[in-house]
Every structure is written in C-alpha cells, then in structure tokens.
Amino acid sequence: MAAPQNPTPATKEKGASCIGLASSFTPESSYDNITMNNEVDGSKKINEGKHGVMPRKRSSISYPALMVIDMQNGFCNPGGSYEEYGCSIGADIKTYRKIIPNVARLIAACRELKIPIFYTQQVRESSGIDLYTRLHRIIPSRRAEFLRIPACVRGTWDAEILDELRPAEGDHIIVKRRDSTFQDTELDLWLKSFYVDTLIFTGVDTGICVDNTLMDGFNMGYDVILVEDATASSWEKIGKATIMKVRGSYGWVLTTAQLVEMLHASKRGKGAFKFPT
C-alpha cells in the first residue's frame, strides 16, 4: 500500500485573515501585515486601527443602573446600632443622614427615566457565622471593634432599608455580607440581565462598601460614576481618598445636580443614554 502523500498546503486567498491559520503564520509576519475584511453591509470596515480590525467596538449608548449602598436603619437611623454603639469606631450617623435628600432625588430621577435601581442590604447572622473573625487572624483594631457591634442582624429592623428611601415595586435588593456587593451575591448576573454597563454609586460608607463595590465593578468592566454629595463617610480622610481615586483613575465624580441634568440631556430611549465623552 502506497504511503499517503503530504497534503498540499492551502493557498491563502488574497484578503483572508491569517488569524487561527497556523500554517500561514511566519515569524516575519506581524499584526501590521494582517488584512481582515470585516465589513458591514459588504463594504464598510468597523473599528479599524493600525493593527487591522480590532474586536467589536462598544456602542456609544450607555445603560446605567443606580446603586444605593447600605442605606439602612442600623447605619443611618436614630435608634439604630450605629447610634447606640458606633461612637467606639467613630461612626457618625448625622453625616450619613445628610445625604438622604440627594439619594431620594436620584432614586426619583432614575424611576422617571427607567433606570434600574439596586439597593444593597448589609446583613449578618445572629450566630456570627459569617463574621470576618471566622476567617481572618489579621484584623485592624477599628474593624475588630466594628465586628463587636450587633449591626444589621438579618431579619431585624436594624437591617431594613430606610423608610425615606424604601424600595418600590420593580426595584431590586441585593443582600450582602461583605464590603463589596459583588462578593458572593447575584449582583453581576442581575446587572447583565438588564444589559447594564454603567454603575451610579450612592450611599455609605464612601471609603468602605461604596469603594469596594465600585472598584470591583470597574475591574469587571463596568463604567462607574460616584455621586459625591449622595455618598458619605464617617471618616473624612478615607472618604476623600476614595473620591480622589475615582476622579483620577476610575470614572466620573459628579454632584447630584450635575448627574440629574446630564441624565435628562443625554436620554436616548428607555433606560438608554448617550453620555458626553
């Protein structure tokens, strides 16, 4: 039986992509030499750069969601656990309560403009099974002191969202047990189901749960907007550090008035906006 002949190398047709065709790649080739005919309606190339056609370009239309972080009785209401025990860690509910009118204004604007709203609800179990002390040996003293405060135990009034900002039908509540709302929750799945690509941040504490959720969101591919006068921190330097980080490296820092004006000016459809770039 005759030995099988080596197959004839395929001839690369003019204009064909060499991506994925190992036999047509040579050390001398480079992305600058790659020609890719990615066309729209048979003629127009999309998102072409000096290295050929790059991956599909994101639409100029944004689909935001409003994040209302931890605006709960235990943290923000007289009679809550922070008012009773928070002095030991420097918690200041007066600072938190100052932002309630601005958060309420943004909630109303987002409902009007059909922007989905996601409330976060920080909880702990009465047994303490979900506390950081179950996992960590190295815990800063202020965090350790915070863990001694029986704040927002699941199922209690302390854990409920403020009446002034009560979720309405169609809003969403994410129950969380860590600083980042993305940690061990359904948030990312729910955002993707709404095709959300931009997160607007309000709530408390700017330097802790807002910061951690915002950073995780950015690193997962979401654009981020921090509303400076609708977020608050009991620890001024930490809160200002977050604002500086966001403004310098992550996204936009806006006031409530600026954001509401921009949302109305950039609306392009139900929950769709074309933000300035």
C-alpha atoms as a PDB file:
ATOM      1  CA  MET A   1       0.000   0.000   0.000  1.00  0.00           C
ATOM      2  CA  ALA A   2       1.436   3.342  -1.038  1.00  0.00           C
ATOM      3  CA  ALA A   3       2.359   5.749   1.700  1.00  0.00           C
ATOM      4  CA  PRO A   4      -0.043   8.678   1.941  1.00  0.00           C
ATOM      5  CA  GLN A   5       1.217  11.843   0.359  1.00  0.00           C
ATOM      6  CA  ASN A   6       1.625  15.018   2.375  1.00  0.00           C
ATOM      7  CA  PRO A   7      -1.345  17.262   1.827  1.00  0.00           C
ATOM      8  CA  THR A   8      -0.799  20.252  -0.379  1.00  0.00           C
ATOM      9  CA  PRO A   9      -0.577  23.393   1.748  1.00  0.00           C
ATOM     10  CA  ALA A  10      -3.629  25.559   1.369  1.00  0.00           C
ATOM     11  CA  THR A  11      -3.087  28.683  -0.669  1.00  0.00           C
ATOM     12  CA  LYS A  12      -4.021  31.800   1.317  1.00  0.00           C
ATOM     13  CA  GLU A  13      -6.510  33.762  -0.690  1.00  0.00           C
ATOM     14  CA  LYS A  14      -5.975  37.454  -1.048  1.00  0.00           C
ATOM     15  CA  GLY A  15      -7.584  39.361   1.793  1.00  0.00           C
ATOM     16  CA  ALA A  16      -8.206  36.324   4.010  1.00  0.00           C
ATOM     17  CA  SER A  17      -7.406  36.510   7.689  1.00  0.00           C
ATOM     18  CA  CYS A  18      -4.429  34.554   8.930  1.00  0.00           C
ATOM     19  CA  ILE A  19      -5.699  34.501  12.499  1.00  0.00           C
ATOM     20  CA  GLY A  20      -6.196  30.876  13.509  1.00  0.00           C
ATOM     21  CA  LEU A  21      -4.316  29.586  10.409  1.00  0.00           C
ATOM     22  CA  ALA A  22      -1.071  28.336  11.913  1.00  0.00           C
ATOM     23  CA  SER A  23       0.238  27.124   8.550  1.00  0.00           C
ATOM     24  CA  SER A  24       0.160  30.660   7.158  1.00  0.00           C
ATOM     25  CA  PHE A  25       1.935  32.315  10.086  1.00  0.00           C
ATOM     26  CA  THR A  26       5.644  33.048   9.770  1.00  0.00           C
ATOM     27  CA  PRO A  27       7.989  34.698  12.258  1.00  0.00           C
ATOM     28  CA  GLU A  28       8.333  37.607   9.876  1.00  0.00           C
ATOM     29  CA  SER A  29       4.597  38.312   9.889  1.00  0.00           C
ATOM     30  CA  SER A  30       3.097  40.889  12.229  1.00  0.00           C
ATOM     31  CA  TYR A  31      -0.260  42.363  13.009  1.00  0.00           C
ATOM     32  CA  ASP A  32       0.629  45.278  10.753  1.00  0.00           C
ATOM     33  CA  ASN A  33       0.651  42.850   7.824  1.00  0.00           C
ATOM     34  CA  ILE A  34      -2.700  41.259   8.653  1.00  0.00           C
ATOM     35  CA  THR A  35      -5.574  42.195   6.382  1.00  0.00           C
ATOM     36  CA  MET A  36      -9.034  41.459   7.681  1.00  0.00           C
ATOM     37  CA  ASN A  37     -12.191  42.083   5.698  1.00  0.00           C
ATOM     38  CA  ASN A  38     -14.686  42.633   8.478  1.00  0.00           C
ATOM     39  CA  GLU A  39     -17.374  44.506   6.645  1.00  0.00           C
ATOM     40  CA  VAL A  40     -20.778  45.942   7.368  1.00  0.00           C
ATOM     41  CA  ASP A  41     -23.244  45.556   4.502  1.00  0.00           C
ATOM     42  CA  GLY A  42     -20.424  44.280   2.332  1.00  0.00           C
ATOM     43  CA  SER A  43     -18.385  47.450   2.294  1.00  0.00           C
ATOM     44  CA  LYS A  44     -17.707  49.427   5.467  1.00  0.00           C
ATOM     45  CA  LYS A  45     -14.932  48.308   7.808  1.00  0.00           C
ATOM     46  CA  ILE A  46     -15.562  48.753  11.528  1.00  0.00           C
ATOM     47  CA  ASN A  47     -13.158  49.780  14.281  1.00  0.00           C
ATOM     48  CA  GLU A  48     -10.060  49.594  12.104  1.00  0.00           C
ATOM     49  CA  GLY A  49      -6.720  50.507  13.662  1.00  0.00           C
ATOM     50  CA  LYS A  50      -3.115  50.245  12.599  1.00  0.00           C
ATOM     51  CA  HIS A  51      -3.113  46.564  13.564  1.00  0.00           C
ATOM     52  CA  GLY A  52      -6.077  45.730  11.356  1.00  0.00           C
ATOM     53  CA  VAL A  53      -9.653  45.366  12.520  1.00  0.00           C
ATOM     54  CA  MET A  54      -9.791  45.131  16.304  1.00  0.00           C
ATOM     55  CA  PRO A  55     -12.515  43.415  18.381  1.00  0.00           C
ATOM     56  CA  ARG A  56     -16.019  44.825  18.114  1.00  0.00           C
ATOM     57  CA  LYS A  57     -16.300  48.354  19.401  1.00  0.00           C
ATOM     58  CA  ARG A  58     -18.669  49.169  22.256  1.00  0.00           C
ATOM     59  CA  SER A  59     -21.787  51.138  21.373  1.00  0.00           C
ATOM     60  CA  SER A  60     -21.877  54.830  22.245  1.00  0.00           C
ATOM     61  CA  ILE A  61     -25.142  54.211  24.098  1.00  0.00           C
ATOM     62  CA  SER A  62     -24.881  53.515  27.840  1.00  0.00           C
ATOM     63  CA  TYR A  63     -27.301  51.585  30.036  1.00  0.00           C
ATOM     64  CA  PRO A  64     -26.817  52.701  33.657  1.00  0.00           C
ATOM     65  CA  ALA A  65     -28.102  51.361  36.956  1.00  0.00           C
ATOM     66  CA  LEU A  66     -28.322  53.188  40.276  1.00  0.00           C
ATOM     67  CA  MET A  67     -26.612  51.592  43.268  1.00  0.00           C
ATOM     68  CA  VAL A  68     -27.968  52.576  46.703  1.00  0.00           C
ATOM     69  CA  ILE A  69     -25.385  51.206  49.123  1.00  0.00           C
ATOM     70  CA  ASP A  70     -26.327  50.245  52.709  1.00  0.00           C
ATOM     71  CA  MET A  71     -28.823  53.000  53.484  1.00  0.00           C
ATOM     72  CA  GLN A  72     -30.195  51.002  56.416  1.00  0.00           C
ATOM     73  CA  ASN A  73     -31.636  51.729  59.849  1.00  0.00           C
ATOM     74  CA  GLY A  74     -28.656  50.286  61.665  1.00  0.00           C
ATOM     75  CA  PHE A  75     -26.226  52.623  59.949  1.00  0.00           C
ATOM     76  CA  CYS A  76     -28.315  55.734  59.304  1.00  0.00           C
ATOM     77  CA  ASN A  77     -31.297  55.955  61.645  1.00  0.00           C
ATOM     78  CA  PRO A  78     -31.617  57.283  65.200  1.00  0.00           C
ATOM     79  CA  GLY A  79     -32.116  54.267  67.411  1.00  0.00           C
ATOM     80  CA  GLY A  80     -30.042  52.054  65.150  1.00  0.00           C
ATOM     81  CA  SER A  81     -26.960  50.156  66.217  1.00  0.00           C
ATOM     82  CA  TYR A  82     -24.533  52.801  64.923  1.00  0.00           C
ATOM     83  CA  GLU A  83     -26.115  55.491  67.071  1.00  0.00           C
ATOM     84  CA  GLU A  84     -26.011  53.196  70.095  1.00  0.00           C
ATOM     85  CA  TYR A  85     -22.564  51.650  69.646  1.00  0.00           C
ATOM     86  CA  GLY A  86     -20.874  53.462  66.759  1.00  0.00           C
ATOM     87  CA  CYS A  87     -19.008  56.045  68.830  1.00  0.00           C
ATOM     88  CA  SER A  88     -16.433  53.363  69.607  1.00  0.00           C
ATOM     89  CA  ILE A  89     -15.349  53.321  65.952  1.00  0.00           C
ATOM     90  CA  GLY A  90     -16.069  56.962  65.088  1.00  0.00           C
ATOM     91  CA  ALA A  91     -19.262  56.278  63.142  1.00  0.00           C
ATOM     92  CA  ASP A  92     -21.364  59.407  62.608  1.00  0.00           C
ATOM     93  CA  ILE A  93     -24.980  58.857  61.544  1.00  0.00           C
ATOM     94  CA  LYS A  94     -25.509  62.631  61.215  1.00  0.00           C
ATOM     95  CA  THR A  95     -23.036  62.608  58.316  1.00  0.00           C
ATOM     96  CA  TYR A  96     -24.856  59.663  56.751  1.00  0.00           C
ATOM     97  CA  ARG A  97     -28.288  61.247  57.150  1.00  0.00           C
ATOM     98  CA  LYS A  98     -27.243  64.437  55.353  1.00  0.00           C
ATOM     99  CA  ILE A  99     -27.200  62.621  52.018  1.00  0.00           C
ATOM    100  CA  ILE A 100     -30.731  61.178  52.299  1.00  0.00           C
ATOM    101  CA  PRO A 101     -32.407  64.029  50.316  1.00  0.00           C
ATOM    102  CA  ASN A 102     -29.907  63.699  47.455  1.00  0.00           C
ATOM    103  CA  VAL A 103     -30.206  59.918  47.343  1.00  0.00           C
ATOM    104  CA  ALA A 104     -34.001  60.286  47.293  1.00  0.00           C
ATOM    105  CA  ARG A 105     -33.753  62.785  44.437  1.00  0.00           C
ATOM    106  CA  LEU A 106     -31.635  60.391  42.400  1.00  0.00           C
ATOM    107  CA  ILE A 107     -33.975  57.478  43.085  1.00  0.00           C
ATOM    108  CA  ALA A 108     -36.912  59.571  41.849  1.00  0.00           C
ATOM    109  CA  ALA A 109     -34.995  60.661  38.735  1.00  0.00           C
ATOM    110  CA  CYS A 110     -33.977  57.098  37.911  1.00  0.00           C
ATOM    111  CA  ARG A 111     -37.529  55.813  38.279  1.00  0.00           C
ATOM    112  CA  GLU A 112     -38.718  58.566  35.954  1.00  0.00           C
ATOM    113  CA  LEU A 113     -36.013  57.762  33.388  1.00  0.00           C
ATOM    114  CA  LYS A 114     -36.495  53.963  33.639  1.00  0.00           C
ATOM    115  CA  ILE A 115     -33.035  53.350  35.099  1.00  0.00           C
ATOM    116  CA  PRO A 116     -32.977  50.148  37.190  1.00  0.00           C
ATOM    117  CA  ILE A 117     -32.286  50.628  40.892  1.00  0.00           C
ATOM    118  CA  PHE A 118     -30.317  48.177  43.024  1.00  0.00           C
ATOM    119  CA  TYR A 119     -30.356  48.554  46.801  1.00  0.00           C
ATOM    120  CA  THR A 120     -27.769  46.764  48.887  1.00  0.00           C
ATOM    121  CA  GLN A 121     -28.573  45.377  52.313  1.00  0.00           C
ATOM    122  CA  GLN A 122     -25.637  44.512  54.542  1.00  0.00           C
ATOM    123  CA  VAL A 123     -26.590  41.733  56.984  1.00  0.00           C
ATOM    124  CA  ARG A 124     -25.016  39.376  59.450  1.00  0.00           C
ATOM    125  CA  GLU A 125     -26.286  36.259  61.147  1.00  0.00           C
ATOM    126  CA  SER A 126     -27.080  36.422  64.861  1.00  0.00           C
ATOM    127  CA  SER A 127     -24.836  33.374  65.329  1.00  0.00           C
ATOM    128  CA  GLY A 128     -21.832  35.280  63.966  1.00  0.00           C
ATOM    129  CA  ILE A 129     -21.052  32.509  61.485  1.00  0.00           C
ATOM    130  CA  ASP A 130     -20.423  34.997  58.673  1.00  0.00           C
ATOM    131  CA  LEU A 131     -18.141  37.410  60.541  1.00  0.00           C
ATOM    132  CA  TYR A 132     -14.653  38.197  59.261  1.00  0.00           C
ATOM    133  CA  THR A 133     -13.213  36.884  62.520  1.00  0.00           C
ATOM    134  CA  ARG A 134     -14.134  33.371  61.377  1.00  0.00           C
ATOM    135  CA  LEU A 135     -11.564  33.670  58.600  1.00  0.00           C
ATOM    136  CA  HIS A 136      -9.006  36.341  59.437  1.00  0.00           C
ATOM    137  CA  ARG A 137      -6.261  36.455  62.033  1.00  0.00           C
ATOM    138  CA  ILE A 138      -5.031  39.881  60.932  1.00  0.00           C
ATOM    139  CA  ILE A 139      -7.784  42.435  61.515  1.00  0.00           C
ATOM    140  CA  PRO A 140      -7.232  46.172  62.154  1.00  0.00           C
ATOM    141  CA  SER A 141      -8.416  47.290  65.575  1.00  0.00           C
ATOM    142  CA  ARG A 142     -11.215  49.501  64.227  1.00  0.00           C
ATOM    143  CA  ARG A 143     -12.601  46.646  62.122  1.00  0.00           C
ATOM    144  CA  ALA A 144     -12.400  44.305  65.091  1.00  0.00           C
ATOM    145  CA  GLU A 145     -14.303  46.846  67.190  1.00  0.00           C
ATOM    146  CA  PHE A 146     -16.915  47.194  64.444  1.00  0.00           C
ATOM    147  CA  LEU A 147     -17.471  43.441  64.452  1.00  0.00           C
ATOM    148  CA  ARG A 148     -18.432  43.645  68.108  1.00  0.00           C
ATOM    149  CA  ILE A 149     -21.359  45.918  67.182  1.00  0.00           C
ATOM    150  CA  PRO A 150     -24.515  43.825  66.555  1.00  0.00           C
ATOM    151  CA  ALA A 151     -25.340  45.854  63.452  1.00  0.00           C
ATOM    152  CA  CYS A 152     -27.936  44.849  60.861  1.00  0.00           C
ATOM    153  CA  VAL A 153     -28.621  41.308  62.020  1.00  0.00           C
ATOM    154  CA  ARG A 154     -30.699  39.584  59.348  1.00  0.00           C
ATOM    155  CA  GLY A 155     -34.440  39.839  59.923  1.00  0.00           C
ATOM    156  CA  THR A 156     -34.273  42.783  62.337  1.00  0.00           C
ATOM    157  CA  TRP A 157     -35.449  46.396  61.991  1.00  0.00           C
ATOM    158  CA  ASP A 158     -31.772  47.372  62.107  1.00  0.00           C
ATOM    159  CA  ALA A 159     -31.150  45.639  58.775  1.00  0.00           C
ATOM    160  CA  GLU A 160     -34.106  47.189  56.942  1.00  0.00           C
ATOM    161  CA  ILE A 161     -33.667  49.945  54.366  1.00  0.00           C
ATOM    162  CA  LEU A 162     -34.653  53.454  55.499  1.00  0.00           C
ATOM    163  CA  ASP A 163     -38.333  54.318  55.135  1.00  0.00           C
ATOM    164  CA  GLU A 164     -37.365  57.562  53.391  1.00  0.00           C
ATOM    165  CA  LEU A 165     -35.721  55.521  50.628  1.00  0.00           C
ATOM    166  CA  ARG A 166     -37.977  52.477  50.668  1.00  0.00           C
ATOM    167  CA  PRO A 167     -37.667  50.298  47.541  1.00  0.00           C
ATOM    168  CA  ALA A 168     -40.657  50.324  45.219  1.00  0.00           C
ATOM    169  CA  GLU A 169     -42.105  47.577  43.077  1.00  0.00           C
ATOM    170  CA  GLY A 170     -39.598  46.815  40.335  1.00  0.00           C
ATOM    171  CA  ASP A 171     -36.557  47.822  42.389  1.00  0.00           C
ATOM    172  CA  HIS A 172     -34.021  45.193  43.409  1.00  0.00           C
ATOM    173  CA  ILE A 173     -32.411  44.347  46.753  1.00  0.00           C
ATOM    174  CA  ILE A 174     -29.039  42.626  46.955  1.00  0.00           C
ATOM    175  CA  VAL A 175     -28.345  41.042  50.342  1.00  0.00           C
ATOM    176  CA  LYS A 176     -24.610  41.062  51.064  1.00  0.00           C
ATOM    177  CA  ARG A 177     -22.265  40.038  53.855  1.00  0.00           C
ATOM    178  CA  ARG A 178     -19.038  41.645  52.702  1.00  0.00           C
ATOM    179  CA  ASP A 179     -17.868  45.146  51.804  1.00  0.00           C
ATOM    180  CA  SER A 180     -18.205  44.546  48.058  1.00  0.00           C
ATOM    181  CA  THR A 181     -21.701  43.923  46.767  1.00  0.00           C
ATOM    182  CA  PHE A 182     -20.208  41.693  44.073  1.00  0.00           C
ATOM    183  CA  GLN A 183     -18.779  39.250  46.628  1.00  0.00           C
ATOM    184  CA  ASP A 184     -20.861  36.053  46.772  1.00  0.00           C
ATOM    185  CA  THR A 185     -24.060  37.714  45.506  1.00  0.00           C
ATOM    186  CA  GLU A 186     -26.202  37.678  42.370  1.00  0.00           C
ATOM    187  CA  LEU A 187     -25.437  41.329  41.510  1.00  0.00           C
ATOM    188  CA  ASP A 188     -23.341  40.742  38.382  1.00  0.00           C
ATOM    189  CA  LEU A 189     -25.870  38.267  36.977  1.00  0.00           C
ATOM    190  CA  TRP A 190     -28.768  40.627  37.597  1.00  0.00           C
ATOM    191  CA  LEU A 191     -26.921  43.592  36.061  1.00  0.00           C
ATOM    192  CA  LYS A 192     -26.098  41.566  32.963  1.00  0.00           C
ATOM    193  CA  SER A 193     -29.737  40.530  32.618  1.00  0.00           C
ATOM    194  CA  PHE A 194     -30.563  44.246  32.289  1.00  0.00           C
ATOM    195  CA  TYR A 195     -27.616  44.817  29.912  1.00  0.00           C
ATOM    196  CA  VAL A 196     -26.259  47.362  32.404  1.00  0.00           C
ATOM    197  CA  ASP A 197     -22.809  48.721  31.574  1.00  0.00           C
ATOM    198  CA  THR A 198     -22.579  51.767  33.865  1.00  0.00           C
ATOM    199  CA  LEU A 199     -22.979  51.941  37.644  1.00  0.00           C
ATOM    200  CA  ILE A 200     -24.008  55.103  39.516  1.00  0.00           C
ATOM    201  CA  PHE A 201     -22.978  54.997  43.174  1.00  0.00           C
ATOM    202  CA  THR A 202     -24.771  56.497  46.164  1.00  0.00           C
ATOM    203  CA  GLY A 203     -24.861  55.500  49.838  1.00  0.00           C
ATOM    204  CA  VAL A 204     -22.475  54.709  52.682  1.00  0.00           C
ATOM    205  CA  ASP A 205     -19.708  54.409  53.576  1.00  0.00           C
ATOM    206  CA  THR A 206     -17.834  56.109  50.726  1.00  0.00           C
ATOM    207  CA  GLY A 207     -14.470  54.703  51.801  1.00  0.00           C
ATOM    208  CA  ILE A 208     -15.610  51.161  52.608  1.00  0.00           C
ATOM    209  CA  CYS A 209     -18.605  49.481  50.960  1.00  0.00           C
ATOM    210  CA  VAL A 210     -19.063  52.088  48.225  1.00  0.00           C
ATOM    211  CA  ASP A 211     -15.332  51.992  47.464  1.00  0.00           C
ATOM    212  CA  ASN A 212     -15.090  48.190  47.377  1.00  0.00           C
ATOM    213  CA  THR A 213     -18.171  47.735  45.197  1.00  0.00           C
ATOM    214  CA  LEU A 214     -17.102  50.491  42.821  1.00  0.00           C
ATOM    215  CA  MET A 215     -13.584  49.106  42.397  1.00  0.00           C
ATOM    216  CA  ASP A 216     -14.859  45.595  41.793  1.00  0.00           C
ATOM    217  CA  GLY A 217     -17.374  46.910  39.281  1.00  0.00           C
ATOM    218  CA  PHE A 218     -14.716  48.830  37.393  1.00  0.00           C
ATOM    219  CA  ASN A 219     -12.404  45.825  37.240  1.00  0.00           C
ATOM    220  CA  MET A 220     -15.285  43.671  35.989  1.00  0.00           C
ATOM    221  CA  GLY A 221     -15.805  46.038  33.058  1.00  0.00           C
ATOM    222  CA  TYR A 222     -18.490  48.452  34.271  1.00  0.00           C
ATOM    223  CA  ASP A 223     -18.141  52.204  33.842  1.00  0.00           C
ATOM    224  CA  VAL A 224     -18.528  53.939  37.206  1.00  0.00           C
ATOM    225  CA  ILE A 225     -19.940  57.259  38.397  1.00  0.00           C
ATOM    226  CA  LEU A 226     -19.590  58.352  42.027  1.00  0.00           C
ATOM    227  CA  VAL A 227     -22.116  60.933  43.227  1.00  0.00           C
ATOM    228  CA  GLU A 228     -20.081  62.975  45.679  1.00  0.00           C
ATOM    229  CA  ASP A 229     -22.951  64.603  47.596  1.00  0.00           C
ATOM    230  CA  ALA A 230     -25.046  61.405  47.637  1.00  0.00           C
ATOM    231  CA  THR A 231     -22.326  59.351  49.324  1.00  0.00           C
ATOM    232  CA  ALA A 232     -20.902  59.901  52.801  1.00  0.00           C
ATOM    233  CA  SER A 233     -18.134  58.714  55.085  1.00  0.00           C
ATOM    234  CA  SER A 234     -17.763  58.859  58.840  1.00  0.00           C
ATOM    235  CA  TRP A 235     -14.009  59.031  58.281  1.00  0.00           C
ATOM    236  CA  GLU A 236     -13.354  62.156  56.242  1.00  0.00           C
ATOM    237  CA  LYS A 237      -9.841  61.335  55.058  1.00  0.00           C
ATOM    238  CA  ILE A 238     -10.840  57.849  53.899  1.00  0.00           C
ATOM    239  CA  GLY A 239     -13.868  59.205  52.037  1.00  0.00           C
ATOM    240  CA  LYS A 240     -11.810  61.889  50.325  1.00  0.00           C
ATOM    241  CA  ALA A 241      -9.218  59.288  49.325  1.00  0.00           C
ATOM    242  CA  THR A 242     -11.916  57.296  47.513  1.00  0.00           C
ATOM    243  CA  ILE A 243     -13.132  60.409  45.706  1.00  0.00           C
ATOM    244  CA  MET A 244      -9.574  61.202  44.614  1.00  0.00           C
ATOM    245  CA  LYS A 245      -9.021  57.622  43.411  1.00  0.00           C
ATOM    246  CA  VAL A 246     -12.200  57.588  41.372  1.00  0.00           C
ATOM    247  CA  ARG A 247     -11.611  61.002  39.846  1.00  0.00           C
ATOM    248  CA  GLY A 248      -8.011  60.182  38.965  1.00  0.00           C
ATOM    249  CA  SER A 249      -8.172  56.556  37.875  1.00  0.00           C
ATOM    250  CA  TYR A 250     -11.625  55.012  37.602  1.00  0.00           C
ATOM    251  CA  GLY A 251     -14.539  57.150  36.500  1.00  0.00           C
ATOM    252  CA  TRP A 252     -16.546  60.314  36.990  1.00  0.00           C
ATOM    253  CA  VAL A 253     -17.245  62.175  40.226  1.00  0.00           C
ATOM    254  CA  LEU A 254     -20.397  64.277  39.897  1.00  0.00           C
ATOM    255  CA  THR A 255     -22.830  66.110  42.133  1.00  0.00           C
ATOM    256  CA  THR A 256     -26.485  65.145  42.294  1.00  0.00           C
ATOM    257  CA  ALA A 257     -27.493  68.211  40.297  1.00  0.00           C
ATOM    258  CA  GLN A 258     -24.864  67.549  37.613  1.00  0.00           C
ATOM    259  CA  LEU A 259     -25.909  63.923  37.239  1.00  0.00           C
ATOM    260  CA  VAL A 260     -29.645  64.634  37.021  1.00  0.00           C
ATOM    261  CA  GLU A 261     -29.022  67.322  34.398  1.00  0.00           C
ATOM    262  CA  MET A 262     -26.766  65.012  32.380  1.00  0.00           C
ATOM    263  CA  LEU A 263     -29.248  62.131  32.510  1.00  0.00           C
ATOM    264  CA  HIS A 264     -32.088  64.260  31.177  1.00  0.00           C
ATOM    265  CA  ALA A 265     -29.901  65.819  28.473  1.00  0.00           C
ATOM    266  CA  SER A 266     -28.451  62.515  27.255  1.00  0.00           C
ATOM    267  CA  LYS A 267     -31.548  60.291  27.247  1.00  0.00           C
ATOM    268  CA  ARG A 268     -31.896  58.318  24.016  1.00  0.00           C
ATOM    269  CA  GLY A 269     -34.623  55.829  24.889  1.00  0.00           C
ATOM    270  CA  LYS A 270     -35.967  53.700  27.707  1.00  0.00           C
ATOM    271  CA  GLY A 271     -33.053  53.445  30.132  1.00  0.00           C
ATOM    272  CA  ALA A 272     -30.602  54.361  27.329  1.00  0.00           C
ATOM    273  CA  PHE A 273     -28.275  57.360  27.362  1.00  0.00           C
ATOM    274  CA  LYS A 274     -25.533  58.866  25.239  1.00  0.00           C
ATOM    275  CA  PHE A 275     -23.141  60.349  27.771  1.00  0.00           C
ATOM    276  CA  PRO A 276     -20.628  63.031  26.800  1.00  0.00           C
ATOM    277  CA  THR A 277     -17.138  61.713  26.084  1.00  0.00           C
END
